[in-house]
Amino acid sequence: MRIASLADYREAARRRLPPFLFEYVDGGSYAEATLRRNTHDLADLELRQRILR
């Protein structure tokens, strides 16, 4: 599997880890407010490739 995005990393982890461990790492606690904020902030990042510079 070629990994090109955060979603690809998540899917690769889901495939490799035992279900209980993936759910623990992937989830958040209580109301998941921090998880929601972090996910939102990461979605706002834009990575630009700088090849042959």
Protein backbone atom coordinates (compact mmCIF):
# COMPACT_ATOMS: atom_id res chain seq x y z
CA MET A 1 0.00 0.00 0.00
CA ARG A 2 1.36 3.39 -0.95
CA ILE A 3 0.85 5.98 1.76
CA ALA A 4 0.12 9.49 0.51
CA SER A 5 -2.15 11.01 3.14
CA LEU A 6 -3.11 10.96 6.79
CA ALA A 7 -6.12 8.79 5.90
CA ASP A 8 -3.74 6.27 4.31
CA TYR A 9 -1.67 6.10 7.52
CA ARG A 10 -4.85 5.52 9.52
CA GLU A 11 -5.98 2.72 7.20
CA ALA A 12 -2.55 1.07 7.32
CA ALA A 13 -2.63 1.17 11.13
CA ARG A 14 -6.17 -0.26 11.17
CA ARG A 15 -4.98 -3.19 9.03
CA ARG A 16 -1.85 -3.94 11.07
CA LEU A 17 -2.95 -3.43 14.67
CA PRO A 18 -5.24 -5.68 16.67
CA PRO A 19 -8.74 -4.14 16.74
CA PHE A 20 -8.67 -3.28 20.47
CA LEU A 21 -5.35 -1.43 20.10
CA PHE A 22 -6.39 0.47 16.98
CA GLU A 23 -9.62 1.61 18.66
CA TYR A 24 -7.66 2.78 21.71
CA VAL A 25 -5.11 4.75 19.66
CA ASP A 26 -7.62 6.07 17.12
CA GLY A 27 -10.23 7.23 19.60
CA GLY A 28 -10.42 10.00 22.12
CA SER A 29 -11.62 10.17 25.68
CA TYR A 30 -14.83 11.57 27.10
CA ALA A 31 -16.34 14.11 24.67
CA GLU A 32 -13.36 13.79 22.27
CA ALA A 33 -13.00 17.59 22.14
CA THR A 34 -9.20 17.50 21.82
CA LEU A 35 -9.39 14.80 19.15
CA ARG A 36 -11.87 16.92 17.18
CA ARG A 37 -9.69 20.06 17.46
CA ASN A 38 -6.52 18.19 16.46
CA THR A 39 -8.23 16.58 13.47
CA HIS A 40 -9.57 19.98 12.38
CA ASP A 41 -6.18 21.64 12.76
CA LEU A 42 -4.40 18.90 10.83
CA ALA A 43 -6.94 19.17 8.00
CA ASP A 44 -5.99 22.86 7.62
CA LEU A 45 -2.33 22.04 6.96
CA GLU A 46 -1.13 21.97 3.39
CA LEU A 47 2.11 20.22 2.55
CA ARG A 48 3.94 21.20 -0.62
CA GLN A 49 6.51 18.99 -2.25
CA ARG A 50 9.79 20.64 -3.06
CA ILE A 51 11.43 18.40 -5.62
CA LEU A 52 14.71 19.34 -7.32
CA ARG A 53 15.10 22.59 -5.44
